[in-house]
């Protein structure tokens, strides 16, 4: 079980570092970026089931421009067809 605890801690630390780096590159505060992430996940969750534990959101830089990149794994659900 210690392995999973360390892995989660490492993932959590990586996410915090990414938030700090994003803050350094944009005018968004870490709180604003976290709120943006929460809002995105809330909106997407209204339409499809997602794996919130595996979501990765960050910024990528291309030359002088930046883009918000989201990796949001979808959960497969079996739905019965009406009929």
Protein backbone atom coordinates (compact mmCIF):
# COMPACT_ATOMS: atom_id res chain seq x y z
CA UNK A 1 0.00 0.00 0.00
CA UNK A 2 2.88 2.41 0.56
CA UNK A 3 3.60 2.30 -3.17
CA UNK A 4 0.18 3.73 -3.99
CA UNK A 5 0.51 6.42 -1.33
CA UNK A 6 3.86 7.54 -2.73
CA UNK A 7 2.51 7.44 -6.26
CA UNK A 8 -0.47 9.63 -5.32
CA UNK A 9 1.85 12.00 -3.46
CA UNK A 10 4.10 12.25 -6.50
CA UNK A 11 1.14 12.90 -8.79
CA UNK A 12 -0.19 15.52 -6.40
CA UNK A 13 3.21 17.20 -6.16
CA UNK A 14 3.52 17.19 -9.94
CA UNK A 15 0.11 18.84 -10.29
CA UNK A 16 1.04 21.53 -7.76
CA UNK A 17 4.30 22.22 -9.61
CA UNK A 18 2.43 22.48 -12.89
CA UNK A 19 0.07 25.01 -11.32
CA UNK A 20 3.02 27.09 -10.12
CA UNK A 21 4.60 26.99 -13.59
CA UNK A 22 1.33 27.97 -15.24
CA UNK A 23 0.99 30.87 -12.84
CA UNK A 24 4.49 32.04 -13.77
CA UNK A 25 3.61 31.98 -17.49
CA UNK A 26 0.15 33.55 -17.38
CA UNK A 27 -1.76 36.16 -15.48
CA UNK A 28 -3.86 33.46 -13.80
CA UNK A 29 -3.36 32.88 -10.12
CA UNK A 30 -3.14 29.26 -8.93
CA UNK A 31 -6.62 29.66 -7.42
CA UNK A 32 -8.01 30.92 -10.74
CA UNK A 33 -6.41 28.06 -12.65
CA UNK A 34 -7.81 25.53 -10.17
CA UNK A 35 -11.26 27.13 -10.51
CA UNK A 36 -10.94 26.94 -14.31
CA UNK A 37 -10.05 23.24 -14.05
CA UNK A 38 -13.01 22.59 -11.73
CA UNK A 39 -15.39 24.46 -14.04
CA UNK A 40 -14.16 22.54 -17.10
CA UNK A 41 -14.58 19.19 -15.37
CA UNK A 42 -18.01 20.14 -14.07
CA UNK A 43 -19.19 21.17 -17.54
CA UNK A 44 -17.81 18.07 -19.26
CA UNK A 45 -19.22 15.80 -16.54
CA UNK A 46 -22.72 16.98 -17.40
CA UNK A 47 -22.45 15.19 -20.74
CA UNK A 48 -20.08 12.27 -20.21
CA UNK A 49 -18.53 10.30 -17.36
CA UNK A 50 -14.85 11.10 -16.83
CA UNK A 51 -12.04 9.71 -14.70
CA UNK A 52 -11.40 12.73 -12.46
CA UNK A 53 -8.40 11.04 -10.79
CA UNK A 54 -6.54 10.79 -14.11
CA UNK A 55 -7.24 14.29 -15.46
CA UNK A 56 -4.22 16.34 -16.49
CA UNK A 57 -4.54 19.99 -17.42
CA UNK A 58 -1.66 22.26 -18.26
CA UNK A 59 -0.24 24.84 -20.60
CA UNK A 60 1.98 24.22 -23.59
CA UNK A 61 4.12 26.85 -25.15
CA UNK A 62 4.72 27.18 -28.90
CA UNK A 63 7.01 30.06 -29.64
CA UNK A 64 5.32 33.10 -28.17
CA UNK A 65 1.87 31.55 -27.89
CA UNK A 66 0.45 29.26 -25.25
CA UNK A 67 -2.42 26.83 -25.21
CA UNK A 68 -4.39 25.11 -22.51
CA UNK A 69 -4.12 21.35 -22.94
CA UNK A 70 -6.45 18.94 -21.20
CA UNK A 71 -6.10 15.17 -21.05
CA UNK A 72 -9.42 13.97 -19.68
CA UNK A 73 -9.90 10.19 -19.75
CA UNK A 74 -13.45 9.08 -20.41
CA UNK A 75 -15.17 6.30 -18.50
CA UNK A 76 -16.96 3.74 -20.57
CA UNK A 77 -20.48 3.09 -19.40
CA UNK A 78 -22.88 0.57 -20.80
CA UNK A 79 -26.18 2.17 -21.61
CA UNK A 80 -29.24 0.31 -22.67
CA UNK A 81 -31.00 1.50 -25.74
CA UNK A 82 -34.63 2.35 -25.38
CA UNK A 83 -36.85 0.35 -27.58
